[in-house]
Amino acid sequence: MFEANDSASVGAFSAAVELGLSVPADLSLASFDNCFLAKIRHLSLISVDIGAHEVGRRVTRTPLDWAPAENGSLTDPHS
């Protein structure tokens, strides 16, 4: 099962245990985030670290790169 973040995976883990399922024997859990929750051994979570700081830096930089020049024209910063 793939979850959007580690917190959701913890919720899925709890629900699986309540249903009598064993994680990871019966159900595998994977998510994005790689926060401290993924490091708790008994949870058996697979978590992908997407580098949130770098993603945030890039998405805020892109609109600034496309800001109009002083003459009002837009230029592609990557061309």
PDB file of N, CA and C in Angstrom:
ATOM      1  N   MET A   1       0.847  -1.153   0.000  1.00  0.00           N
ATOM      2  CA  MET A   1       0.000   0.000   0.000  1.00  0.00           C
ATOM      3  C   MET A   1       0.902   1.228   0.000  1.00  0.00           C
ATOM      4  N   PHE A   2       0.566   2.201  -0.866  1.00  0.00           N
ATOM      5  CA  PHE A   2       1.356   3.418  -0.933  1.00  0.00           C
ATOM      6  C   PHE A   2       0.576   4.573  -0.313  1.00  0.00           C
ATOM      7  N   GLU A   3       1.201   5.273   0.595  1.00  0.00           N
ATOM      8  CA  GLU A   3       0.585   6.416   1.270  1.00  0.00           C
ATOM      9  C   GLU A   3       1.318   7.697   0.893  1.00  0.00           C
ATOM     10  N   ALA A   4       0.629   8.818   1.014  1.00  0.00           N
ATOM     11  CA  ALA A   4       1.201  10.114   0.642  1.00  0.00           C
ATOM     12  C   ALA A   4       2.313  10.557   1.586  1.00  0.00           C
ATOM     13  N   ASN A   5       2.252  10.131   2.845  1.00  0.00           N
ATOM     14  CA  ASN A   5       3.294  10.513   3.802  1.00  0.00           C
ATOM     15  C   ASN A   5       3.380   9.481   4.919  1.00  0.00           C
ATOM     16  N   ASP A   6       4.397   9.600   5.741  1.00  0.00           N
ATOM     17  CA  ASP A   6       4.630   8.623   6.803  1.00  0.00           C
ATOM     18  C   ASP A   6       3.525   8.613   7.847  1.00  0.00           C
ATOM     19  N   SER A   7       2.929   9.754   8.121  1.00  0.00           N
ATOM     20  CA  SER A   7       1.825   9.797   9.090  1.00  0.00           C
ATOM     21  C   SER A   7       0.659   8.940   8.617  1.00  0.00           C
ATOM     22  N   ALA A   8       0.354   9.023   7.327  1.00  0.00           N
ATOM     23  CA  ALA A   8      -0.731   8.194   6.769  1.00  0.00           C
ATOM     24  C   ALA A   8      -0.354   6.717   6.838  1.00  0.00           C
ATOM     25  N   SER A   9       0.923   6.403   6.635  1.00  0.00           N
ATOM     26  CA  SER A   9       1.363   5.008   6.737  1.00  0.00           C
ATOM     27  C   SER A   9       1.197   4.467   8.151  1.00  0.00           C
ATOM     28  N   VAL A  10       1.450   5.301   9.140  1.00  0.00           N
ATOM     29  CA  VAL A  10       1.246   4.878  10.526  1.00  0.00           C
ATOM     30  C   VAL A  10      -0.228   4.567  10.760  1.00  0.00           C
ATOM     31  N   GLY A  11      -1.120   5.389  10.207  1.00  0.00           N
ATOM     32  CA  GLY A  11      -2.555   5.119  10.314  1.00  0.00           C
ATOM     33  C   GLY A  11      -2.927   3.819   9.619  1.00  0.00           C
ATOM     34  N   ALA A  12      -2.364   3.583   8.441  1.00  0.00           N
ATOM     35  CA  ALA A  12      -2.619   2.337   7.715  1.00  0.00           C
ATOM     36  C   ALA A  12      -2.078   1.144   8.486  1.00  0.00           C
ATOM     37  N   PHE A  13      -0.920   1.316   9.104  1.00  0.00           N
ATOM     38  CA  PHE A  13      -0.336   0.264   9.929  1.00  0.00           C
ATOM     39  C   PHE A  13      -1.284  -0.101  11.075  1.00  0.00           C
ATOM     40  N   SER A  14      -1.787   0.916  11.754  1.00  0.00           N
ATOM     41  CA  SER A  14      -2.712   0.680  12.877  1.00  0.00           C
ATOM     42  C   SER A  14      -3.971  -0.038  12.415  1.00  0.00           C
ATOM     43  N   ALA A  15      -4.508   0.395  11.272  1.00  0.00           N
ATOM     44  CA  ALA A  15      -5.720  -0.246  10.734  1.00  0.00           C
ATOM     45  C   ALA A  15      -5.438  -1.697  10.359  1.00  0.00           C
ATOM     46  N   ALA A  16      -4.272  -1.954   9.768  1.00  0.00           N
ATOM     47  CA  ALA A  16      -3.913  -3.324   9.386  1.00  0.00           C
ATOM     48  C   ALA A  16      -3.834  -4.227  10.610  1.00  0.00           C
ATOM     49  N   VAL A  17      -3.203  -3.729  11.667  1.00  0.00           N
ATOM     50  CA  VAL A  17      -3.083  -4.508  12.904  1.00  0.00           C
ATOM     51  C   VAL A  17      -4.465  -4.793  13.494  1.00  0.00           C
ATOM     52  N   GLU A  18      -5.356  -3.794  13.476  1.00  0.00           N
ATOM     53  CA  GLU A  18      -6.710  -3.992  13.984  1.00  0.00           C
ATOM     54  C   GLU A  18      -7.461  -5.053  13.184  1.00  0.00           C
ATOM     55  N   LEU A  19      -7.133  -5.180  11.902  1.00  0.00           N
ATOM     56  CA  LEU A  19      -7.773  -6.191  11.042  1.00  0.00           C
ATOM     57  C   LEU A  19      -7.089  -7.555  11.130  1.00  0.00           C
ATOM     58  N   GLY A  20      -6.063  -7.637  11.958  1.00  0.00           N
ATOM     59  CA  GLY A  20      -5.354  -8.897  12.134  1.00  0.00           C
ATOM     60  C   GLY A  20      -4.291  -9.164  11.082  1.00  0.00           C
ATOM     61  N   LEU A  21      -3.923  -8.152  10.321  1.00  0.00           N
ATOM     62  CA  LEU A  21      -2.887  -8.306   9.305  1.00  0.00           C
ATOM     63  C   LEU A  21      -1.516  -8.054   9.900  1.00  0.00           C
ATOM     64  N   SER A  22      -0.534  -8.705   9.328  1.00  0.00           N
ATOM     65  CA  SER A  22       0.843  -8.513   9.761  1.00  0.00           C
ATOM     66  C   SER A  22       1.584  -7.679   8.722  1.00  0.00           C
ATOM     67  N   VAL A  23       2.249  -6.637   9.207  1.00  0.00           N
ATOM     68  CA  VAL A  23       3.056  -5.787   8.329  1.00  0.00           C
ATOM     69  C   VAL A  23       4.516  -6.131   8.611  1.00  0.00           C
ATOM     70  N   PRO A  24       5.299  -6.522   7.642  1.00  0.00           N
ATOM     71  CA  PRO A  24       5.097  -6.543   6.204  1.00  0.00           C
ATOM     72  C   PRO A  24       4.700  -7.905   5.625  1.00  0.00           C
ATOM     73  N   ALA A  25       4.443  -8.913   6.440  1.00  0.00           N
ATOM     74  CA  ALA A  25       4.127 -10.247   5.910  1.00  0.00           C
ATOM     75  C   ALA A  25       2.867 -10.241   5.038  1.00  0.00           C
ATOM     76  N   ASP A  26       1.797  -9.594   5.502  1.00  0.00           N
ATOM     77  CA  ASP A  26       0.542  -9.558   4.753  1.00  0.00           C
ATOM     78  C   ASP A  26       0.363  -8.286   3.934  1.00  0.00           C
ATOM     79  N   LEU A  27       1.002  -7.218   4.351  1.00  0.00           N
ATOM     80  CA  LEU A  27       0.808  -5.916   3.731  1.00  0.00           C
ATOM     81  C   LEU A  27       2.099  -5.110   3.821  1.00  0.00           C
ATOM     82  N   SER A  28       2.529  -4.568   2.694  1.00  0.00           N
ATOM     83  CA  SER A  28       3.701  -3.683   2.690  1.00  0.00           C
ATOM     84  C   SER A  28       3.233  -2.244   2.648  1.00  0.00           C
ATOM     85  N   LEU A  29       3.910  -1.391   3.391  1.00  0.00           N
ATOM     86  CA  LEU A  29       3.566   0.025   3.429  1.00  0.00           C
ATOM     87  C   LEU A  29       4.738   0.854   2.920  1.00  0.00           C
ATOM     88  N   ALA A  30       4.443   1.765   2.000  1.00  0.00           N
ATOM     89  CA  ALA A  30       5.463   2.660   1.465  1.00  0.00           C
ATOM     90  C   ALA A  30       4.882   4.066   1.399  1.00  0.00           C
ATOM     91  N   SER A  31       5.753   5.059   1.559  1.00  0.00           N
ATOM     92  CA  SER A  31       5.279   6.444   1.530  1.00  0.00           C
ATOM     93  C   SER A  31       6.408   7.404   1.191  1.00  0.00           C
ATOM     94  N   PHE A  32       6.036   8.656   0.941  1.00  0.00           N
ATOM     95  CA  PHE A  32       6.990   9.752   0.796  1.00  0.00           C
ATOM     96  C   PHE A  32       7.104  10.440   2.142  1.00  0.00           C
ATOM     97  N   ASP A  33       8.243  10.969   2.440  1.00  0.00           N
ATOM     98  CA  ASP A  33       8.428  11.784   3.639  1.00  0.00           C
ATOM     99  C   ASP A  33       9.775  11.501   4.283  1.00  0.00           C
ATOM    100  N   ASN A  34       9.933  10.274   4.735  1.00  0.00           N
ATOM    101  CA  ASN A  34      11.122   9.834   5.450  1.00  0.00           C
ATOM    102  C   ASN A  34      11.339  10.637   6.728  1.00  0.00           C
ATOM    103  N   CYS A  35      10.251  10.899   7.448  1.00  0.00           N
ATOM    104  CA  CYS A  35      10.365  11.594   8.730  1.00  0.00           C
ATOM    105  C   CYS A  35      10.737  10.588   9.816  1.00  0.00           C
ATOM    106  N   PHE A  36      10.815  11.025  11.026  1.00  0.00           N
ATOM    107  CA  PHE A  36      11.239  10.176  12.137  1.00  0.00           C
ATOM    108  C   PHE A  36      10.364   8.936  12.294  1.00  0.00           C
ATOM    109  N   LEU A  37       9.101   9.008  11.859  1.00  0.00           N
ATOM    110  CA  LEU A  37       8.212   7.862  12.000  1.00  0.00           C
ATOM    111  C   LEU A  37       8.708   6.650  11.218  1.00  0.00           C
ATOM    112  N   ALA A  38       9.314   6.888  10.071  1.00  0.00           N
ATOM    113  CA  ALA A  38       9.804   5.797   9.235  1.00  0.00           C
ATOM    114  C   ALA A  38      10.974   5.063   9.883  1.00  0.00           C
ATOM    115  N   LYS A  39      11.602   5.689  10.842  1.00  0.00           N
ATOM    116  CA  LYS A  39      12.762   5.091  11.487  1.00  0.00           C
ATOM    117  C   LYS A  39      12.398   4.216  12.684  1.00  0.00           C
ATOM    118  N   ILE A  40      11.133   4.185  13.055  1.00  0.00           N
ATOM    119  CA  ILE A  40      10.693   3.346  14.169  1.00  0.00           C
ATOM    120  C   ILE A  40      10.646   1.904  13.667  1.00  0.00           C
ATOM    121  N   ARG A  41      11.520   1.075  14.174  1.00  0.00           N
ATOM    122  CA  ARG A  41      11.742  -0.270  13.648  1.00  0.00           C
ATOM    123  C   ARG A  41      10.493  -1.144  13.599  1.00  0.00           C
ATOM    124  N   HIS A  42       9.684  -1.157  14.608  1.00  0.00           N
ATOM    125  CA  HIS A  42       8.561  -2.094  14.630  1.00  0.00           C
ATOM    126  C   HIS A  42       7.459  -1.730  13.635  1.00  0.00           C
ATOM    127  N   LEU A  43       7.532  -0.544  13.019  1.00  0.00           N
ATOM    128  CA  LEU A  43       6.508  -0.156  12.042  1.00  0.00           C
ATOM    129  C   LEU A  43       6.743  -0.755  10.660  1.00  0.00           C
ATOM    130  N   SER A  44       7.952  -1.104  10.328  1.00  0.00           N
ATOM    131  CA  SER A  44       8.285  -1.711   9.033  1.00  0.00           C
ATOM    132  C   SER A  44       7.779  -0.884   7.864  1.00  0.00           C
ATOM    133  N   LEU A  45       8.124   0.390   7.843  1.00  0.00           N
ATOM    134  CA  LEU A  45       7.710   1.275   6.755  1.00  0.00           C
ATOM    135  C   LEU A  45       8.839   1.450   5.744  1.00  0.00           C
ATOM    136  N   ILE A  46       8.470   1.558   4.483  1.00  0.00           N
ATOM    137  CA  ILE A  46       9.401   1.962   3.434  1.00  0.00           C
ATOM    138  C   ILE A  46       9.065   3.411   3.142  1.00  0.00           C
ATOM    139  N   SER A  47      10.043   4.290   3.244  1.00  0.00           N
ATOM    140  CA  SER A  47       9.788   5.710   3.050  1.00  0.00           C
ATOM    141  C   SER A  47      10.823   6.317   2.120  1.00  0.00           C
ATOM    142  N   VAL A  48      10.357   7.133   1.189  1.00  0.00           N
ATOM    143  CA  VAL A  48      11.223   7.781   0.209  1.00  0.00           C
ATOM    144  C   VAL A  48      11.455   9.223   0.630  1.00  0.00           C
ATOM    145  N   ASP A  49      12.714   9.592   0.717  1.00  0.00           N
ATOM    146  CA  ASP A  49      13.062  10.974   1.042  1.00  0.00           C
ATOM    147  C   ASP A  49      13.159  11.755  -0.258  1.00  0.00           C
ATOM    148  N   ILE A  50      12.224  12.659  -0.484  1.00  0.00           N
ATOM    149  CA  ILE A  50      12.181  13.410  -1.739  1.00  0.00           C
ATOM    150  C   ILE A  50      13.009  14.689  -1.685  1.00  0.00           C
ATOM    151  N   GLY A  51      13.664  14.933  -0.566  1.00  0.00           N
ATOM    152  CA  GLY A  51      14.451  16.156  -0.445  1.00  0.00           C
ATOM    153  C   GLY A  51      13.555  17.383  -0.445  1.00  0.00           C
ATOM    154  N   ALA A  52      12.645  17.449   0.503  1.00  0.00           N
ATOM    155  CA  ALA A  52      11.624  18.504   0.544  1.00  0.00           C
ATOM    156  C   ALA A  52      12.221  19.909   0.495  1.00  0.00           C
ATOM    157  N   HIS A  53      13.348  20.108   1.133  1.00  0.00           N
ATOM    158  CA  HIS A  53      13.965  21.433   1.116  1.00  0.00           C
ATOM    159  C   HIS A  53      14.348  21.828  -0.313  1.00  0.00           C
ATOM    160  N   GLU A  54      14.971  20.887  -1.027  1.00  0.00           N
ATOM    161  CA  GLU A  54      15.383  21.168  -2.402  1.00  0.00           C
ATOM    162  C   GLU A  54      14.178  21.352  -3.319  1.00  0.00           C
ATOM    163  N   VAL A  55      13.145  20.556  -3.141  1.00  0.00           N
ATOM    164  CA  VAL A  55      11.922  20.707  -3.942  1.00  0.00           C
ATOM    165  C   VAL A  55      11.318  22.083  -3.699  1.00  0.00           C
ATOM    166  N   GLY A  56      11.222  22.499  -2.441  1.00  0.00           N
ATOM    167  CA  GLY A  56      10.679  23.816  -2.108  1.00  0.00           C
ATOM    168  C   GLY A  56      11.509  24.936  -2.712  1.00  0.00           C
ATOM    169  N   ARG A  57      12.812  24.788  -2.667  1.00  0.00           N
ATOM    170  CA  ARG A  57      13.697  25.799  -3.243  1.00  0.00           C
ATOM    171  C   ARG A  57      13.480  25.920  -4.749  1.00  0.00           C
ATOM    172  N   ARG A  58      13.342  24.782  -5.409  1.00  0.00           N
ATOM    173  CA  ARG A  58      13.174  24.808  -6.865  1.00  0.00           C
ATOM    174  C   ARG A  58      11.820  25.358  -7.298  1.00  0.00           C
ATOM    175  N   VAL A  59      10.755  24.983  -6.597  1.00  0.00           N
ATOM    176  CA  VAL A  59       9.438  25.462  -7.037  1.00  0.00           C
ATOM    177  C   VAL A  59       9.243  26.946  -6.764  1.00  0.00           C
ATOM    178  N   THR A  60       9.911  27.480  -5.766  1.00  0.00           N
ATOM    179  CA  THR A  60       9.793  28.923  -5.548  1.00  0.00           C
ATOM    180  C   THR A  60      10.728  29.695  -6.466  1.00  0.00           C
ATOM    181  N   ARG A  61      11.793  29.051  -6.890  1.00  0.00           N
ATOM    182  CA  ARG A  61      12.736  29.715  -7.782  1.00  0.00           C
ATOM    183  C   ARG A  61      12.195  29.798  -9.211  1.00  0.00           C
ATOM    184  N   THR A  62      11.494  28.791  -9.653  1.00  0.00           N
ATOM    185  CA  THR A  62      11.006  28.759 -11.033  1.00  0.00           C
ATOM    186  C   THR A  62      10.125  29.959 -11.365  1.00  0.00           C
ATOM    187  N   PRO A  63       9.099  30.299 -10.558  1.00  0.00           N
ATOM    188  CA  PRO A  63       8.307  31.490 -10.897  1.00  0.00           C
ATOM    189  C   PRO A  63       9.141  32.769 -10.904  1.00  0.00           C
ATOM    190  N   LEU A  64      10.116  32.854 -10.023  1.00  0.00           N
ATOM    191  CA  LEU A  64      10.978  34.037  -9.998  1.00  0.00           C
ATOM    192  C   LEU A  64      11.838  34.103 -11.260  1.00  0.00           C
ATOM    193  N   ASP A  65      12.254  32.943 -11.741  1.00  0.00           N
ATOM    194  CA  ASP A  65      13.033  32.905 -12.982  1.00  0.00           C
ATOM    195  C   ASP A  65      12.209  33.413 -14.166  1.00  0.00           C
ATOM    196  N   TRP A  66      10.908  33.184 -14.128  1.00  0.00           N
ATOM    197  CA  TRP A  66      10.034  33.558 -15.236  1.00  0.00           C
ATOM    198  C   TRP A  66       9.466  34.972 -15.077  1.00  0.00           C
ATOM    199  N   ALA A  67       9.879  35.668 -14.044  1.00  0.00           N
ATOM    200  CA  ALA A  67       9.382  37.035 -13.831  1.00  0.00           C
ATOM    201  C   ALA A  67       9.734  37.912 -15.031  1.00  0.00           C
ATOM    202  N   PRO A  68       8.872  38.830 -15.367  1.00  0.00           N
ATOM    203  CA  PRO A  68       9.143  39.697 -16.525  1.00  0.00           C
ATOM    204  C   PRO A  68      10.431  40.495 -16.349  1.00  0.00           C
ATOM    205  N   ALA A  69      11.128  40.650 -17.458  1.00  0.00           N
ATOM    206  CA  ALA A  69      12.322  41.488 -17.464  1.00  0.00           C
ATOM    207  C   ALA A  69      11.876  42.945 -17.341  1.00  0.00           C
ATOM    208  N   GLU A  70      12.817  43.831 -17.195  1.00  0.00           N
ATOM    209  CA  GLU A  70      12.483  45.259 -17.044  1.00  0.00           C
ATOM    210  C   GLU A  70      11.686  45.800 -18.230  1.00  0.00           C
ATOM    211  N   ASN A  71      11.905  45.210 -19.419  1.00  0.00           N
ATOM    212  CA  ASN A  71      11.158  45.667 -20.590  1.00  0.00           C
ATOM    213  C   ASN A  71       9.783  45.009 -20.708  1.00  0.00           C
ATOM    214  N   GLY A  72       9.422  44.158 -19.733  1.00  0.00           N
ATOM    215  CA  GLY A  72       8.106  43.512 -19.725  1.00  0.00           C
ATOM    216  C   GLY A  72       8.032  42.206 -20.464  1.00  0.00           C
ATOM    217  N   SER A  73       9.113  41.790 -21.122  1.00  0.00           N
ATOM    218  CA  SER A  73       9.075  40.532 -21.874  1.00  0.00           C
ATOM    219  C   SER A  73       9.438  39.372 -20.970  1.00  0.00           C
ATOM    220  N   LEU A  74       8.881  38.201 -21.294  1.00  0.00           N
ATOM    221  CA  LEU A  74       9.214  36.982 -20.588  1.00  0.00           C
ATOM    222  C   LEU A  74      10.283  36.230 -21.366  1.00  0.00           C
ATOM    223  N   THR A  75      11.242  35.717 -20.662  1.00  0.00           N
ATOM    224  CA  THR A  75      12.267  34.912 -21.315  1.00  0.00           C
ATOM    225  C   THR A  75      12.343  33.571 -20.624  1.00  0.00           C
ATOM    226  N   ASP A  76      12.688  32.548 -21.398  1.00  0.00           N
ATOM    227  CA  ASP A  76      12.847  31.205 -20.832  1.00  0.00           C
ATOM    228  C   ASP A  76      14.218  31.148 -20.193  1.00  0.00           C
ATOM    229  N   PRO A  77      14.277  31.000 -18.863  1.00  0.00           N
ATOM    230  CA  PRO A  77      15.572  31.002 -18.183  1.00  0.00           C
ATOM    231  C   PRO A  77      16.404  29.757 -18.493  1.00  0.00           C
ATOM    232  N   HIS A  78      15.776  28.742 -19.081  1.00  0.00           N
ATOM    233  CA  HIS A  78      16.471  27.491 -19.344  1.00  0.00           C
ATOM    234  C   HIS A  78      16.874  27.348 -20.800  1.00  0.00           C
ATOM    235  N   SER A  79      16.669  28.372 -21.629  1.00  0.00           N
ATOM    236  CA  SER A  79      17.031  28.247 -23.048  1.00  0.00           C
ATOM    237  C   SER A  79      18.405  28.823 -23.301  1.00  0.00           C
TER     238      SER A  79
END
